[in-house]
Protein backbone atom coordinates (compact mmCIF):
# COMPACT_ATOMS: atom_id res chain seq x y z
CA MET A 1 -37.86 -29.50 27.95
CA PRO A 2 -37.22 -31.50 25.03
CA ALA A 3 -34.48 -30.58 22.69
CA LEU A 4 -35.39 -29.26 19.56
CA GLN A 5 -33.15 -30.72 16.42
CA LEU A 6 -32.92 -28.44 13.24
CA VAL A 7 -33.59 -30.22 9.79
CA LEU A 8 -31.47 -28.94 7.00
CA PRO A 9 -32.53 -29.67 3.48
CA GLU A 10 -30.37 -32.42 1.59
CA ILE A 11 -27.65 -31.32 -0.49
CA ALA A 12 -27.25 -33.34 -3.84
CA ALA A 13 -23.64 -33.38 -3.58
CA PRO A 14 -21.23 -31.49 -0.68
CA GLU A 15 -19.39 -29.44 -3.50
CA ALA A 16 -22.35 -28.41 -5.15
CA ALA A 17 -23.01 -26.08 -1.99
CA ASN A 18 -20.46 -23.42 -2.98
CA ASP A 19 -21.03 -23.69 -6.47
CA CYS A 20 -22.20 -20.61 -8.66
CA THR A 21 -24.72 -20.71 -10.79
CA PRO A 22 -23.35 -21.21 -14.25
CA PRO A 23 -23.69 -17.53 -16.25
CA GLU A 24 -26.06 -19.79 -19.21
CA ALA A 25 -28.53 -20.41 -16.33
CA VAL A 26 -28.83 -16.96 -14.85
CA SER A 27 -30.66 -14.58 -17.01
CA ASP A 28 -31.62 -11.72 -14.61
CA GLY A 29 -28.23 -10.22 -14.96
CA SER A 30 -27.07 -10.44 -11.00
CA SER A 31 -23.64 -9.87 -9.85
CA CYS A 32 -23.48 -13.31 -9.52
CA ALA A 33 -23.63 -14.14 -13.04
CA VAL A 34 -20.91 -11.23 -14.23
CA ALA A 35 -18.72 -12.47 -11.38
CA CYS A 36 -18.87 -15.92 -12.81
CA ILE A 37 -18.34 -15.21 -16.21
CA ALA A 38 -14.99 -12.75 -14.94
CA ASN A 39 -13.91 -15.84 -13.48
CA GLY A 40 -14.65 -18.37 -15.88
CA GLY A 41 -17.72 -19.58 -14.62
CA GLU A 42 -16.42 -20.14 -11.27
CA CYS A 43 -17.95 -17.84 -8.03
CA ALA A 44 -15.74 -15.69 -6.21
CA GLY A 45 -17.27 -14.82 -3.21
CA ASN A 46 -19.61 -11.97 -2.25
CA GLU A 47 -20.60 -10.43 -5.29
CA LYS A 48 -23.10 -8.09 -3.67
CA ARG A 49 -20.32 -6.00 -2.03
CA LYS A 50 -19.52 -3.32 -4.70
CA GLY A 51 -16.31 -1.90 -2.75
CA ARG A 52 -15.07 1.85 -2.62
CA LYS A 53 -14.36 3.04 -6.22
CA PRO A 54 -10.88 3.25 -7.21
CA THR A 55 -9.34 7.15 -6.84
CA HIS A 56 -6.93 6.74 -9.99
CA VAL A 57 -7.59 4.99 -13.36
CA SER A 58 -4.56 3.14 -13.28
CA ALA A 59 -1.15 2.56 -11.18
CA ALA A 60 0.28 4.81 -13.77
CA ALA A 61 -2.05 7.39 -12.82
CA ARG A 62 -1.73 6.43 -8.87
CA LYS A 63 2.48 6.92 -8.85
CA ALA A 64 1.95 9.83 -11.11
CA ALA A 65 -0.11 11.85 -8.48
CA TYR A 66 2.15 10.40 -5.69
CA ARG A 67 5.10 12.12 -7.64
CA ALA A 68 3.51 15.28 -8.21
CA ASP A 69 2.99 15.57 -4.56
CA LYS A 70 6.90 14.72 -3.57
CA ALA A 71 10.33 16.50 -4.44
CA ARG A 72 13.57 14.53 -4.74
CA VAL A 73 17.00 15.48 -3.54
CA ASP A 74 19.88 13.57 -4.18
CA PHE A 75 22.30 13.26 -1.36
CA THR A 76 25.98 12.64 -1.60
CA ASP A 77 28.82 12.62 0.93
CA LYS A 78 31.59 10.66 2.24
CA PRO A 79 31.37 6.71 2.09
CA GLU A 80 32.21 6.64 5.67
CA ILE A 81 29.19 9.52 6.58
CA ILE A 82 26.77 6.95 4.09
CA ALA A 83 28.05 3.80 5.81
CA LYS A 84 27.17 5.15 9.58
CA LEU A 85 23.88 6.43 7.95
CA ARG A 86 23.53 2.71 7.18
CA GLU A 87 24.32 1.54 10.14
CA THR A 88 21.87 3.81 12.12
CA ALA A 89 18.82 2.95 9.87
CA GLY A 90 19.47 -0.68 10.36
CA LEU A 91 19.71 -0.34 14.12
CA LEU A 92 16.50 1.81 13.84
CA ASP A 93 14.81 -0.65 11.62
CA CYS A 94 13.98 1.78 9.00
CA SER A 95 14.89 3.01 5.39
CA VAL A 96 17.99 5.34 5.16
CA ASN A 97 15.51 7.67 3.04
CA GLU A 98 13.07 7.50 6.41
CA LEU A 99 16.19 8.49 8.65
CA LEU A 100 17.31 11.23 6.43
CA GLN A 101 13.81 12.50 6.66
CA SER A 102 13.68 12.66 10.41
CA MET A 103 16.89 14.27 10.86
CA VAL A 104 15.94 17.00 8.49
CA ARG A 105 12.33 17.60 9.98
CA PHE A 106 14.40 17.65 13.32
CA ALA A 107 17.25 20.01 12.18
CA GLU A 108 14.65 22.29 10.49
CA CYS A 109 12.22 22.71 13.89
CA ASN A 110 15.49 22.98 15.81
CA ARG A 111 17.65 25.85 14.24
CA ASN A 112 17.14 28.93 12.60
CA TRP A 113 19.48 28.21 9.36
CA LYS A 114 18.84 31.43 8.00
CA GLN A 115 20.24 33.41 11.13
CA VAL A 116 22.90 31.08 12.58
CA GLY A 117 24.57 29.49 9.28
CA LEU A 118 25.66 25.85 8.48
CA TYR A 119 27.57 24.06 10.70
CA GLY A 120 31.34 23.09 10.07
CA ALA A 121 33.82 25.43 8.31
CA ARG A 122 34.39 25.94 4.27
CA ALA A 123 37.52 25.52 2.50
CA ASN A 124 37.26 26.44 -1.09
CA GLY A 125 33.34 26.76 -0.75
CA VAL A 126 33.26 22.84 0.07
CA LEU A 127 32.12 21.90 3.50
CA GLN A 128 34.19 20.40 5.75
């Protein structure tokens, strides 16, 4: 059985294979023309795929929605305790915030704080 050879049409110049038609030459309003106009006359890839519509209209709206879904708590403690938290977070390869979230979730699941109360003792209203 003889081998078949494909005969491909000749391209005038190798760089012409990836060129997008200039916007002036495209009159059908195709997505390639729109992409060419948006990119200053250069084709940006597969313009037929539209992708998912954005959930938020802007980055500011996205950030506002994120912040509305989260509550913030400031944490203050002795410098030695903060240093230990940073060291532990470094060993676990996470942020101090992630470490504190994990610790709080563990403490909430494993102790009835309303019934048992706080660890440690108070002196003049301050936890020791």
